[in-house]
Amino acid sequence: MPIISRLIRLEILKHNLKVNSITNRILLIFSLLYCLIGFSQAIPYRIGKLWGICDEEGKIIMEPKFDSLDFSSDYDTNQDVLIPKINNKEGLIIGGKVLFEPVFEHIYFSNNLYFTVKFENNSKISDVFDSDGKSILKNPVIEVLSNKKVTDGIYTFHLLNKDYTETFFFYDVVNKKIIQTLYENYASINFIKRQSDYFSTSFLVKKNANDPLITEAWDVTKLPNSVSKTKLLYRTEKEYLEKFLKNSRKQNSSGDYSGNYSGSGTGSISVEPDDKVLVKGHYDDVAIEAPREENSMINKTVYISHNLKIKDNQLVLSKNIQSQIKPLSDISIDLKVPVNNIEIKNTSFSSKRNDTIFYFSNYVQFKKKDKYALLFPSNLKKIIEFDTITKNANSISDNSNNREVILLVGNKDKKTNQFKYSLYSNQKGLLFPMQYDNLTYAPKLYAYNGNSNYYSKIGNKLGIVQIDGTEFLKAEYDEINENNKYEAYRAIKKVLDIRKNNKFGVVYQNPQTYKLELIDAIFDYEIKNIYLNFPRINYPKASGSKEIPNKITLISLKDKRGNLVGYANANGMLYFKK
């Protein structure tokens, strides 16, 4: 339908009075408020069934009085934003300061403004507030029908007023004022054509219910200084429909139309080049050579590659020096075992001595009597033997042209006849004594520089060993379980729930440093969520605002049913009392 009648539109509104799901809820750009009030950490604090706010030391900032006090459940960017509830009504707290008492059905954040919805006498009331908590509307309305961005800081508002008239205006969110009202208290406002940037917009409007229809095209490219418009008048709705059906080319499902209507503006933005702009990027370190005199001596790095292969039923080592077309003569290697027993493992590693870098593309693994043996082309005189060797190898680099191969190896204990395991490096040898009853590779658990880890086991106790031999967790934990369900910090890719002596903790990967970090098993409850660098606020601060002090790792705890118990810091301080 080109025009939706007032009656139908109001019936639709009756079925849509509740605001859409709060997917954009309470995300704040709140610099001005910080300028005025500074900041103190606001941590939800529970006493019995009521919630208030405390600081990092547990000092009460706001006495418990709310039924619940939660961080945004849809997006956690700004952790200083809290949503208090009383009798299922929502309010808003920023940095420990109450911006709105919990009297609203919903509060959501969009385009740097707060949108509120509440019901009085079974009637819906909507309002829009700026960052000072001041309404930008002359009066509350039934519904904000649309809110669109025109340029940075300028937005359109289409409102359904309490008397069911409509209003349309442009709002400057930076200067906090309405800069142009196109229509106020009109009986009907319908979009019939608009550009995506809203610079040129056409409407079909009626001032009063019995007035003729007017098509108006607005050019707002010079906002906030001036606007202009052109008009086409139709005496009756039937006349408009006939004209529309004749000229329109298409109609989409959303009710927007593209016809032969002409507007008086195209809406364009031009950006002039600026030779004073310095564009900065993020680059790895690059060595830039200083100018040299033509006759100066230049030290060049020599690269030598090594490759083991079977040639003429014989194991040989082929070496090649960079810039030499013809490789060096192959070196024959006699391991005194059948060639069929030799397995060539394609894993690259390297080392550097003085100005020479040695590259190796593989090594060999073979069985010799009751032992499993290794031979690395970096040292052909040394054969390494163990009772068992894993078939798969990993590698680790120190970022200085040294890359080593890491293998899981094991020997039988002579007293117990039980296997004990360790990690072996082709450069360092055993990384620790043969002490673990089991080492299980954890392919999805990565540490710093992408290096992987092993779950360790001694008796019935569990731990974690990093691939470089560092014991991250001693094998003294009763349980280690993978858990991907942490909600509060979505960038955390992998976490482990750990338990020791009926106390709970967690291991997680810091998404900024890629290092594994530990919240030790000291809590009576399982950890529900992790809030790194609390309070984490990613919007710009106003000039002169205070630095945010003492960022902590805040966690939430849950009971056996998964319900929130309360909050604590990683050192074990609890922010709740029964």
Protein backbone atom coordinates (compact mmCIF):
# COMPACT_ATOMS: atom_id res chain seq x y z
CA MET A 1 0.00 0.00 0.00
CA PRO A 2 1.41 3.42 -0.90
CA ILE A 3 -0.31 4.98 2.14
CA ILE A 4 -1.08 3.22 5.44
CA SER A 5 -4.25 4.57 6.94
CA ARG A 6 -4.15 6.09 10.44
CA LEU A 7 -6.40 3.37 11.81
CA ILE A 8 -4.28 0.50 10.51
CA ARG A 9 -1.08 2.15 11.66
CA LEU A 10 -2.41 2.62 15.18
CA GLU A 11 -3.56 -0.99 15.36
CA ILE A 12 -0.07 -2.09 14.34
CA LEU A 13 1.39 0.11 17.04
CA LYS A 14 -0.83 -1.52 19.66
CA HIS A 15 0.83 -4.83 18.87
CA ASN A 16 4.31 -3.32 18.91
CA LEU A 17 4.26 -1.04 21.94
CA LYS A 18 7.15 -2.81 23.57
CA VAL A 19 10.57 -1.80 22.38
CA ASN A 20 12.50 -4.31 20.32
CA SER A 21 14.96 -6.66 22.07
CA ILE A 22 17.60 -4.62 23.86
CA THR A 23 20.44 -5.55 21.55
CA ASN A 24 21.96 -2.08 21.66
CA ARG A 25 21.41 -1.64 25.33
CA ILE A 26 23.29 0.83 27.44
CA LEU A 27 26.53 1.37 25.55
CA LEU A 28 27.81 4.71 26.62
CA ILE A 29 29.92 7.56 25.32
CA PHE A 30 29.86 9.50 28.55
CA SER A 31 32.93 11.71 28.59
CA LEU A 32 31.25 14.87 29.85
CA LEU A 33 29.88 13.16 32.93
CA TYR A 34 33.35 11.90 33.79
CA CYS A 35 34.67 15.44 33.50
CA LEU A 36 32.17 16.57 36.10
CA ILE A 37 32.17 13.73 38.63
CA GLY A 38 35.49 11.92 38.10
CA PHE A 39 35.34 8.19 38.66
CA SER A 40 35.28 5.55 41.36
CA GLN A 41 35.08 1.84 40.64
CA ALA A 42 31.50 0.68 40.90
CA ILE A 43 31.22 -3.03 41.74
CA PRO A 44 27.83 -4.69 42.33
CA TYR A 45 27.64 -5.60 46.02
CA ARG A 46 25.05 -7.96 47.52
CA ILE A 47 23.84 -8.26 51.08
CA GLY A 48 21.19 -10.95 51.38
CA LYS A 49 18.77 -10.44 48.49
CA LEU A 50 19.48 -6.75 47.89
CA TRP A 51 22.16 -5.20 45.68
CA GLY A 52 24.14 -1.99 46.03
CA ILE A 53 27.59 -0.74 44.97
CA CYS A 54 31.03 -0.92 46.56
CA ASP A 55 34.56 -0.05 45.50
CA GLU A 56 37.57 -2.36 45.05
CA GLU A 57 38.27 -2.41 48.79
CA GLY A 58 34.67 -3.37 49.58
CA LYS A 59 33.73 0.08 50.87
CA ILE A 60 30.03 0.73 50.34
CA ILE A 61 29.32 3.47 47.79
CA MET A 62 25.58 2.86 47.55
CA GLU A 63 23.62 0.94 50.15
CA PRO A 64 21.91 -2.23 48.82
CA LYS A 65 18.34 -1.46 47.75
CA PHE A 66 17.90 -3.03 44.31
CA ASP A 67 16.41 -6.43 43.47
CA SER A 68 19.25 -6.94 40.96
CA LEU A 69 22.18 -4.99 39.61
CA ASP A 70 23.72 -6.27 36.38
CA PHE A 71 26.18 -5.37 33.68
CA SER A 72 24.71 -5.17 30.20
CA SER A 73 23.91 -8.71 29.10
CA ASP A 74 23.97 -7.91 25.39
CA TYR A 75 27.29 -6.09 25.10
CA ASP A 76 29.97 -5.62 27.71
CA THR A 77 32.10 -2.84 26.25
CA ASN A 78 31.69 -0.36 29.11
CA GLN A 79 31.91 -2.08 32.45
CA ASP A 80 31.06 1.02 34.45
CA VAL A 81 27.46 0.75 33.20
CA LEU A 82 25.09 -0.99 35.60
CA ILE A 83 21.39 -1.73 35.21
CA PRO A 84 19.48 -1.67 38.52
CA LYS A 85 16.07 -3.29 38.79
CA ILE A 86 13.24 -2.97 41.27
CA ASN A 87 10.01 -4.90 40.59
CA ASN A 88 11.30 -5.63 37.05
CA LYS A 89 11.66 -1.90 36.31
CA GLU A 90 15.01 -0.74 34.92
CA GLY A 91 17.23 2.21 35.77
CA LEU A 92 20.74 3.29 34.84
CA ILE A 93 23.91 3.77 36.91
CA ILE A 94 27.16 5.14 35.47
CA GLY A 95 30.38 5.04 37.47
CA GLY A 96 28.47 4.66 40.73
CA LYS A 97 26.12 7.59 39.96
CA VAL A 98 22.38 7.08 39.40
CA LEU A 99 21.36 8.61 36.10
CA PHE A 100 17.85 7.06 36.10
CA GLU A 101 16.01 5.44 38.96
CA PRO A 102 14.49 2.02 38.09
CA VAL A 103 11.07 3.21 36.90
CA PHE A 104 11.31 2.26 33.22
CA GLU A 105 10.13 -0.80 31.37
CA HIS A 106 13.24 -0.61 29.19
CA ILE A 107 16.26 1.62 28.72
CA TYR A 108 18.41 1.29 25.62
CA PHE A 109 21.25 3.23 24.07
CA SER A 110 21.46 4.35 20.44
CA ASN A 111 23.26 7.14 18.59
CA ASN A 112 24.77 8.53 21.81
CA LEU A 113 21.36 9.00 23.43
CA TYR A 114 19.28 7.13 26.01
CA PHE A 115 15.86 5.88 24.97
CA THR A 116 13.39 5.05 27.74
CA VAL A 117 10.04 3.29 27.76
CA LYS A 118 7.55 3.07 30.60
CA PHE A 119 3.80 2.54 31.00
CA GLU A 120 1.41 4.81 32.89
CA ASN A 121 -2.32 4.04 33.11
CA ASN A 122 -1.79 1.30 30.49
CA SER A 123 -0.37 3.86 28.08
CA LYS A 124 3.12 3.68 26.66
CA ILE A 125 5.39 6.67 27.21
CA SER A 126 8.70 7.03 25.38
CA ASP A 127 11.38 9.64 25.95
CA VAL A 128 14.93 10.44 24.76
CA PHE A 129 17.67 11.79 27.04
CA ASP A 130 21.11 13.23 26.42
CA SER A 131 24.26 12.37 28.41
CA ASP A 132 23.22 14.84 31.16
CA GLY A 133 19.95 12.99 31.68
CA LYS A 134 17.95 15.84 30.10
CA SER A 135 15.13 15.08 27.67
CA ILE A 136 15.68 16.30 24.12
CA LEU A 137 11.92 16.24 23.42
CA LYS A 138 9.42 18.99 24.16
CA ASN A 139 7.10 16.36 25.62
CA PRO A 140 7.21 12.58 26.04
CA VAL A 141 5.77 10.64 23.10
CA ILE A 142 4.22 7.24 22.44
CA GLU A 143 6.93 5.97 20.14
CA VAL A 144 10.17 6.94 18.45
CA LEU A 145 9.27 5.63 15.01
CA SER A 146 12.76 6.04 13.58
CA ASN A 147 16.16 7.48 14.49
CA LYS A 148 18.73 7.67 11.67
CA LYS A 149 22.21 9.11 11.24
CA VAL A 150 22.67 11.93 8.70
CA THR A 151 26.27 12.91 9.41
CA ASP A 152 28.55 12.57 12.40
CA GLY A 153 26.62 14.08 15.26
CA ILE A 154 23.38 14.82 13.34
CA TYR A 155 20.41 12.43 13.46
CA THR A 156 16.80 12.38 12.30
CA PHE A 157 13.89 11.71 14.64
CA HIS A 158 10.42 10.61 13.57
CA LEU A 159 8.01 10.63 16.54
CA LEU A 160 4.47 9.47 17.26
CA ASN A 161 3.07 12.00 19.70
CA LYS A 162 0.58 11.32 22.50
CA ASP A 163 -2.29 12.74 20.42
CA TYR A 164 -1.22 10.41 17.56
CA THR A 165 0.15 13.26 15.46
CA GLU A 166 3.70 12.96 14.14
CA THR A 167 6.83 15.08 14.30
CA PHE A 168 10.07 14.95 12.30
CA PHE A 169 13.26 16.88 13.16
CA PHE A 170 17.06 16.91 12.94
CA TYR A 171 19.05 16.74 16.18
CA ASP A 172 22.66 17.78 16.86
CA VAL A 173 23.96 15.35 19.50
CA VAL A 174 27.25 17.25 19.96
CA ASN A 175 25.63 20.61 20.75
CA LYS A 176 22.58 18.91 22.27
CA LYS A 177 19.88 20.81 20.39
CA ILE A 178 17.24 20.41 17.70
CA ILE A 179 18.63 22.22 14.66
CA GLN A 180 15.72 21.88 12.23
CA THR A 181 12.11 20.72 12.62
CA LEU A 182 10.63 19.69 9.26
CA TYR A 183 7.17 18.75 10.54
CA GLU A 184 5.56 19.25 13.93
CA ASN A 185 2.25 17.72 15.04
CA TYR A 186 1.31 16.56 11.53
CA ALA A 187 -1.58 14.15 10.98
CA SER A 188 0.55 11.92 8.74
CA ILE A 189 4.21 11.72 7.68
CA ASN A 190 5.29 9.04 5.20
CA PHE A 191 8.63 8.50 3.50
CA ILE A 192 8.27 8.02 -0.25
CA LYS A 193 11.88 8.47 -1.33
CA ARG A 194 15.18 8.98 0.42
CA GLN A 195 18.87 8.63 -0.13
CA SER A 196 20.76 6.38 2.25
CA ASP A 197 22.48 9.38 3.86
CA TYR A 198 19.19 11.29 4.34
CA PHE A 199 20.58 14.42 2.65
CA SER A 200 17.76 14.36 0.12
CA THR A 201 14.44 13.07 1.45
CA SER A 202 10.90 13.12 0.09
CA PHE A 203 7.76 12.85 2.22
CA LEU A 204 4.05 12.49 1.65
CA VAL A 205 2.41 14.51 4.44
CA LYS A 206 -0.86 15.86 5.79
CA LYS A 207 -0.95 18.71 8.28
CA ASN A 208 -4.49 17.86 9.36
CA ALA A 209 -6.54 14.73 8.79
CA ASN A 210 -8.78 16.37 6.17
CA ASP A 211 -6.04 18.29 4.36
CA PRO A 212 -4.89 17.38 0.85
CA LEU A 213 -1.73 15.30 0.49
CA ILE A 214 1.52 17.14 -0.11
CA THR A 215 4.68 15.61 -1.52
CA GLU A 216 7.75 17.51 -0.34
CA ALA A 217 11.39 16.95 -1.23
CA TRP A 218 13.94 18.33 1.23
CA ASP A 219 17.55 19.23 0.56
CA VAL A 220 19.51 19.30 3.82
CA THR A 221 23.05 19.22 2.46
CA LYS A 222 23.76 22.55 4.16
CA LEU A 223 22.64 21.56 7.64
CA PRO A 224 22.74 23.02 10.19
CA ASN A 225 22.67 26.38 8.36
CA SER A 226 19.76 26.00 5.98
CA VAL A 227 17.34 23.65 4.25
CA SER A 228 15.13 24.00 1.19
CA LYS A 229 12.17 22.14 -0.20
CA THR A 230 9.92 21.75 -3.23
CA LYS A 231 6.23 20.78 -3.23
CA LEU A 232 3.73 18.78 -5.28
CA LEU A 233 0.07 19.05 -4.21
CA TYR A 234 -2.65 16.43 -4.60
CA ARG A 235 -6.22 17.33 -3.68
CA THR A 236 -7.32 13.82 -2.73
CA GLU A 237 -5.69 10.53 -1.81
CA LYS A 238 -7.29 8.92 -4.90
CA GLU A 239 -5.59 11.45 -7.14
CA TYR A 240 -2.25 10.73 -5.51
CA LEU A 241 -2.74 6.97 -5.94
CA GLU A 242 -3.51 7.34 -9.61
CA LYS A 243 -0.44 9.48 -10.14
CA PHE A 244 1.69 7.10 -8.09
CA LEU A 245 0.57 3.98 -9.96
CA LYS A 246 1.22 5.65 -13.25
CA ASN A 247 4.71 6.88 -12.50
CA SER A 248 6.18 4.50 -9.95
CA ARG A 249 8.60 1.88 -11.16
CA LYS A 250 8.88 -0.40 -8.14
CA GLN A 251 7.65 -0.91 -4.64
CA ASN A 252 9.62 -2.79 -2.00
CA SER A 253 8.34 -4.78 0.91
CA SER A 254 9.22 -2.12 3.47
CA GLY A 255 6.94 0.49 1.92
CA ASP A 256 9.64 2.62 0.30
CA TYR A 257 8.95 3.73 -3.29
CA SER A 258 11.13 4.72 -6.19
CA GLY A 259 9.12 6.74 -8.69
CA ASN A 260 9.49 9.71 -10.97
CA TYR A 261 9.57 12.24 -8.15
CA SER A 262 12.13 14.96 -8.34
CA GLY A 263 13.94 16.37 -5.32
CA SER A 264 16.06 19.46 -5.03
CA GLY A 265 19.26 18.00 -3.64
CA THR A 266 21.65 15.15 -4.25
CA GLY A 267 23.58 15.12 -1.02
CA SER A 268 27.29 14.73 -1.43
CA ILE A 269 30.36 15.00 0.72
CA SER A 270 33.72 15.97 -0.67
CA VAL A 271 37.00 15.54 1.14
CA GLU A 272 39.89 17.68 0.00
CA PRO A 273 43.40 16.21 0.17
CA ASP A 274 45.49 17.41 3.07
CA ASP A 275 49.24 17.26 2.69
CA LYS A 276 49.67 17.89 6.42
CA VAL A 277 47.97 14.67 7.46
CA LEU A 278 50.29 12.01 8.83
CA VAL A 279 48.88 8.51 8.47
CA LYS A 280 50.20 6.09 11.04
CA GLY A 281 50.05 2.33 10.72
CA HIS A 282 51.05 -0.66 12.78
CA TYR A 283 54.13 -2.34 11.40
CA ASP A 284 56.64 -4.93 12.48
CA ASP A 285 60.16 -3.67 13.06
CA VAL A 286 61.99 -3.17 9.78
CA ALA A 287 65.75 -2.85 9.53
CA ILE A 288 66.74 0.01 7.25
CA GLU A 289 70.26 -0.12 5.91
CA ALA A 290 72.37 3.00 6.24
CA PRO A 291 74.16 4.27 3.12
CA ARG A 292 77.51 2.63 2.55
CA GLU A 293 80.46 3.73 0.55
CA GLU A 294 81.02 1.70 -2.58
CA ASN A 295 84.38 0.34 -1.43
CA SER A 296 83.35 -0.56 2.12
CA MET A 297 83.29 -4.19 3.26
CA ILE A 298 79.81 -5.65 3.55
CA ASN A 299 79.13 -8.65 5.81
CA LYS A 300 76.57 -10.94 4.26
CA THR A 301 74.59 -13.62 6.07
CA VAL A 302 75.12 -17.12 4.70
CA TYR A 303 72.13 -19.50 4.49
CA ILE A 304 72.72 -23.27 4.43
CA SER A 305 69.80 -25.65 4.01
CA HIS A 306 69.77 -29.35 5.00
CA ASN A 307 67.45 -32.06 3.78
CA LEU A 308 67.42 -35.77 4.68
CA LYS A 309 66.25 -38.20 1.99
CA ILE A 310 66.44 -41.78 0.83
CA LYS A 311 68.62 -42.10 -2.25
CA ASP A 312 69.62 -45.41 -3.86
CA ASN A 313 68.30 -47.27 -0.80
CA GLN A 314 70.53 -45.20 1.47
CA LEU A 315 69.81 -42.38 3.92
CA VAL A 316 71.68 -39.25 2.80
CA LEU A 317 71.93 -35.64 3.84
CA SER A 318 71.77 -33.04 1.08
CA LYS A 319 73.19 -29.58 1.80
CA ASN A 320 72.80 -26.44 -0.24
CA ILE A 321 74.37 -23.01 0.22
CA GLN A 322 72.36 -20.02 -0.88
CA SER A 323 73.51 -18.41 -4.14
CA GLN A 324 75.31 -21.57 -5.20
CA ILE A 325 73.50 -23.23 -8.07
CA LYS A 326 75.07 -26.65 -7.57
CA PRO A 327 74.39 -28.33 -4.19
CA LEU A 328 77.20 -29.75 -2.09
CA SER A 329 77.93 -33.46 -2.28
CA ASP A 330 75.43 -35.68 -0.44
CA ILE A 331 76.58 -37.21 2.85
CA SER A 332 75.71 -40.90 3.34
CA ILE A 333 74.43 -41.93 6.79
CA ASP A 334 74.56 -45.50 8.04
CA LEU A 335 72.19 -46.10 10.97
CA LYS A 336 72.77 -49.88 10.84
CA VAL A 337 69.03 -50.51 10.48
CA PRO A 338 67.00 -51.41 7.37
CA VAL A 339 65.96 -48.42 5.33
CA ASN A 340 62.33 -49.55 5.66
CA ASN A 341 62.57 -48.92 9.41
CA ILE A 342 63.57 -45.30 8.91
CA GLU A 343 60.81 -42.68 8.99
CA ILE A 344 61.62 -39.18 7.76
CA LYS A 345 59.69 -36.52 9.71
CA ASN A 346 59.07 -33.28 7.83
CA THR A 347 59.38 -30.62 10.51
CA SER A 348 61.45 -27.51 9.96
CA PHE A 349 63.86 -26.04 12.49
CA SER A 350 66.87 -23.74 12.37
CA SER A 351 69.83 -22.29 14.26
CA LYS A 352 72.28 -19.45 13.84
CA ARG A 353 76.05 -19.31 14.40
CA ASN A 354 77.84 -16.05 13.76
CA ASP A 355 76.79 -14.91 10.26
CA THR A 356 75.51 -18.32 9.18
CA ILE A 357 71.92 -19.53 9.46
CA PHE A 358 71.35 -23.28 9.24
CA TYR A 359 67.95 -24.47 8.01
CA PHE A 360 66.75 -28.07 8.47
CA SER A 361 63.63 -29.39 6.78
CA ASN A 362 63.33 -32.77 8.54
CA TYR A 363 64.76 -35.35 10.92
CA VAL A 364 64.53 -39.16 11.17
CA GLN A 365 62.92 -41.47 13.69
CA PHE A 366 63.58 -45.20 13.73
CA LYS A 367 63.41 -48.28 15.94
CA LYS A 368 66.62 -49.83 17.16
CA LYS A 369 66.15 -53.12 19.06
CA ASP A 370 63.75 -52.31 21.91
CA LYS A 371 64.34 -48.58 21.75
CA TYR A 372 63.00 -45.74 19.63
CA ALA A 373 65.70 -43.44 18.27
CA LEU A 374 66.05 -39.94 16.84
CA LEU A 375 68.67 -38.44 14.56
CA PHE A 376 68.75 -34.72 13.77
CA PRO A 377 70.76 -33.45 10.78
CA SER A 378 72.17 -30.72 13.02
CA ASN A 379 74.24 -33.37 14.82
CA LEU A 380 74.81 -36.57 12.83
CA LYS A 381 77.12 -38.00 15.51
CA LYS A 382 74.40 -38.19 18.19
CA ILE A 383 71.59 -40.75 18.25
CA ILE A 384 68.98 -40.16 20.98
CA GLU A 385 67.08 -43.16 22.39
CA PHE A 386 63.92 -43.52 24.49
CA ASP A 387 61.48 -46.28 25.34
CA THR A 388 58.73 -44.38 23.52
CA ILE A 389 58.55 -41.31 21.30
CA THR A 390 55.42 -39.58 20.05
CA LYS A 391 54.89 -39.72 16.31
CA ASN A 392 53.96 -36.05 16.09
CA ALA A 393 56.35 -33.18 16.71
CA ASN A 394 55.81 -29.54 17.61
CA SER A 395 58.18 -26.63 17.23
CA ILE A 396 58.93 -23.45 19.10
CA SER A 397 60.77 -20.29 18.03
CA ASP A 398 62.57 -17.56 19.97
CA ASN A 399 62.21 -15.12 17.04
CA SER A 400 65.98 -14.96 16.48
CA ASN A 401 66.37 -17.55 13.70
CA ASN A 402 66.44 -20.31 16.31
CA ARG A 403 63.62 -22.81 16.00
CA GLU A 404 63.65 -26.09 17.89
CA VAL A 405 61.71 -29.34 17.61
CA ILE A 406 59.78 -30.51 20.68
CA LEU A 407 58.83 -34.18 21.13
CA LEU A 408 56.95 -36.06 23.82
CA VAL A 409 59.18 -38.89 25.02
CA GLY A 410 59.01 -41.51 27.76
CA ASN A 411 61.00 -44.19 29.61
CA LYS A 412 59.93 -47.01 31.87
CA ASP A 413 60.69 -46.58 35.53
CA LYS A 414 63.03 -49.40 36.56
CA LYS A 415 61.36 -49.83 39.97
CA THR A 416 57.67 -49.67 39.03
CA ASN A 417 57.93 -50.62 35.35
CA GLN A 418 55.55 -47.71 34.69
CA PHE A 419 56.17 -45.12 31.98
CA LYS A 420 57.27 -41.61 32.97
CA TYR A 421 57.16 -38.80 30.43
CA SER A 422 58.97 -35.58 29.58
CA LEU A 423 59.46 -33.17 26.65
CA TYR A 424 62.60 -33.34 24.52
CA SER A 425 64.14 -30.47 22.53
CA ASN A 426 66.61 -31.09 19.72
CA GLN A 427 68.60 -28.11 21.05
CA LYS A 428 68.22 -28.34 24.84
CA GLY A 429 67.64 -32.06 25.45
CA LEU A 430 65.11 -33.02 28.17
CA LEU A 431 63.22 -29.93 29.29
CA PHE A 432 62.51 -31.46 32.72
CA PRO A 433 63.04 -34.85 34.41
CA MET A 434 60.97 -37.91 33.49
CA GLN A 435 58.35 -37.30 36.18
CA TYR A 436 54.84 -37.29 34.72
CA ASP A 437 52.59 -40.34 34.53
CA ASN A 438 51.00 -38.82 31.44
CA LEU A 439 51.33 -35.80 29.17
CA THR A 440 48.36 -35.13 26.89
CA TYR A 441 48.76 -32.64 24.07
CA ALA A 442 46.18 -29.84 24.22
CA PRO A 443 45.90 -28.68 20.57
CA LYS A 444 43.33 -25.94 21.26
CA LEU A 445 45.05 -24.41 24.27
CA TYR A 446 47.68 -21.89 23.19
CA ALA A 447 50.07 -19.75 25.17
CA TYR A 448 52.31 -16.81 24.30
CA ASN A 449 53.48 -16.66 20.63
CA GLY A 450 50.97 -19.38 19.75
CA ASN A 451 52.96 -22.06 21.58
CA SER A 452 50.87 -24.98 22.73
CA ASN A 453 50.51 -26.86 26.00
CA TYR A 454 50.21 -30.29 27.56
CA TYR A 455 47.94 -31.49 30.33
CA SER A 456 50.16 -33.21 32.88
CA LYS A 457 49.29 -35.94 35.35
CA ILE A 458 50.99 -37.38 38.44
CA GLY A 459 48.86 -40.03 40.10
CA ASN A 460 45.33 -38.59 40.16
CA LYS A 461 46.48 -34.97 40.13
CA LEU A 462 46.44 -32.74 37.04
CA GLY A 463 48.43 -29.75 35.81
CA ILE A 464 49.57 -27.86 32.70
CA VAL A 465 53.03 -27.83 31.11
CA GLN A 466 53.85 -25.35 28.36
CA ILE A 467 55.72 -26.57 25.31
CA ASP A 468 58.88 -24.67 26.31
CA GLY A 469 59.05 -26.75 29.50
CA THR A 470 57.51 -24.16 31.83
CA GLU A 471 55.21 -25.75 34.40
CA PHE A 472 52.23 -23.41 34.30
CA LEU A 473 50.18 -25.45 36.76
CA LYS A 474 51.76 -27.97 39.08
CA ALA A 475 50.13 -31.38 38.91
CA GLU A 476 48.14 -30.89 42.12
CA TYR A 477 44.62 -30.14 40.82
CA ASP A 478 41.70 -32.54 41.09
CA GLU A 479 39.96 -31.48 37.91
CA ILE A 480 40.63 -29.46 34.74
CA ASN A 481 37.73 -29.03 32.31
CA GLU A 482 37.48 -27.06 29.07
CA ASN A 483 34.76 -24.43 29.09
CA ASN A 484 33.86 -22.08 26.22
CA LYS A 485 30.78 -20.55 27.82
CA TYR A 486 32.19 -17.48 29.52
CA GLU A 487 30.00 -14.55 28.52
CA ALA A 488 31.42 -11.32 29.87
CA TYR A 489 34.54 -11.16 27.75
CA ARG A 490 33.81 -12.60 24.32
CA ALA A 491 37.39 -12.24 23.11
CA ILE A 492 38.48 -15.02 25.50
CA LYS A 493 38.75 -18.01 23.18
CA LYS A 494 39.45 -20.81 25.62
CA VAL A 495 39.15 -21.16 29.37
CA LEU A 496 39.64 -24.05 31.76
CA ASP A 497 37.68 -24.61 34.94
CA ILE A 498 40.02 -25.94 37.62
CA ARG A 499 39.25 -27.48 41.01
CA LYS A 500 41.50 -28.27 43.98
CA ASN A 501 40.38 -29.33 47.46
CA ASN A 502 36.78 -28.44 46.54
CA LYS A 503 37.80 -24.90 45.64
CA PHE A 504 37.28 -23.43 42.16
CA GLY A 505 39.40 -21.34 39.83
CA VAL A 506 39.99 -20.79 36.11
CA VAL A 507 42.74 -20.65 33.50
CA TYR A 508 42.16 -18.29 30.56
CA GLN A 509 44.05 -16.79 27.65
CA ASN A 510 44.55 -13.03 27.79
CA PRO A 511 43.35 -11.79 24.36
CA GLN A 512 45.82 -8.90 24.37
CA THR A 513 49.04 -10.66 25.43
CA TYR A 514 48.03 -14.20 24.33
CA LYS A 515 49.50 -15.46 27.58
CA LEU A 516 47.77 -17.99 29.77
CA GLU A 517 46.67 -16.44 33.04
CA LEU A 518 45.48 -18.03 36.26
CA ILE A 519 42.77 -17.27 38.77
CA ASP A 520 43.71 -19.87 41.33
CA ALA A 521 41.30 -22.36 42.91
CA ILE A 522 40.42 -20.40 46.06
CA PHE A 523 36.66 -19.87 45.64
CA ASP A 524 33.76 -21.84 47.09
CA TYR A 525 31.77 -21.25 43.89
CA GLU A 526 32.52 -21.80 40.22
CA ILE A 527 33.52 -18.78 38.18
CA LYS A 528 30.74 -17.58 35.88
CA ASN A 529 32.26 -14.59 34.04
CA ILE A 530 35.62 -12.81 33.77
CA TYR A 531 35.90 -9.01 33.52
CA LEU A 532 39.49 -8.18 32.53
CA ASN A 533 40.93 -4.73 33.32
CA PHE A 534 37.79 -3.75 35.18
CA PRO A 535 36.36 -1.24 34.62
CA ARG A 536 37.05 -1.54 30.90
CA ILE A 537 35.83 1.59 29.10
CA ASN A 538 36.62 1.88 25.40
CA TYR A 539 35.13 5.28 24.58
CA PRO A 540 37.20 8.51 24.52
CA LYS A 541 37.51 10.41 27.77
CA ALA A 542 36.91 14.14 27.89
CA SER A 543 39.86 16.46 28.17
CA GLY A 544 40.77 16.95 31.81
CA SER A 545 38.90 13.88 33.07
CA LYS A 546 40.59 11.73 35.65
CA GLU A 547 42.49 8.58 34.85
CA ILE A 548 40.69 5.39 35.84
CA PRO A 549 42.63 3.96 38.81
CA ASN A 550 43.56 0.44 39.84
CA LYS A 551 42.08 -1.71 37.14
CA ILE A 552 41.42 -5.19 38.48
CA THR A 553 40.32 -8.60 37.26
CA LEU A 554 36.73 -8.87 38.42
CA ILE A 555 34.89 -12.18 38.33
CA SER A 556 31.35 -13.31 38.98
CA LEU A 557 30.54 -16.54 40.80
CA LYS A 558 27.69 -18.97 40.23
CA ASP A 559 25.96 -21.68 42.24
CA LYS A 560 25.36 -25.28 41.13
CA ARG A 561 22.30 -24.17 39.13
CA GLY A 562 24.31 -21.52 37.28
CA ASN A 563 22.67 -18.60 39.10
CA LEU A 564 24.72 -15.52 39.97
CA VAL A 565 25.95 -15.55 43.58
CA GLY A 566 28.00 -12.35 43.53
CA TYR A 567 31.29 -10.77 42.50
CA ALA A 568 34.90 -11.06 43.68
CA ASN A 569 38.36 -10.00 42.62
CA ALA A 570 40.98 -12.49 41.42
CA ASN A 571 42.77 -12.35 44.79
CA GLY A 572 39.78 -13.82 46.58
CA MET A 573 38.05 -10.75 48.05
CA LEU A 574 34.29 -11.24 47.98
CA TYR A 575 31.83 -8.45 47.23
CA PHE A 576 28.80 -10.11 48.79
CA LYS A 577 27.44 -11.34 52.11
CA LYS A 578 24.72 -13.86 52.81
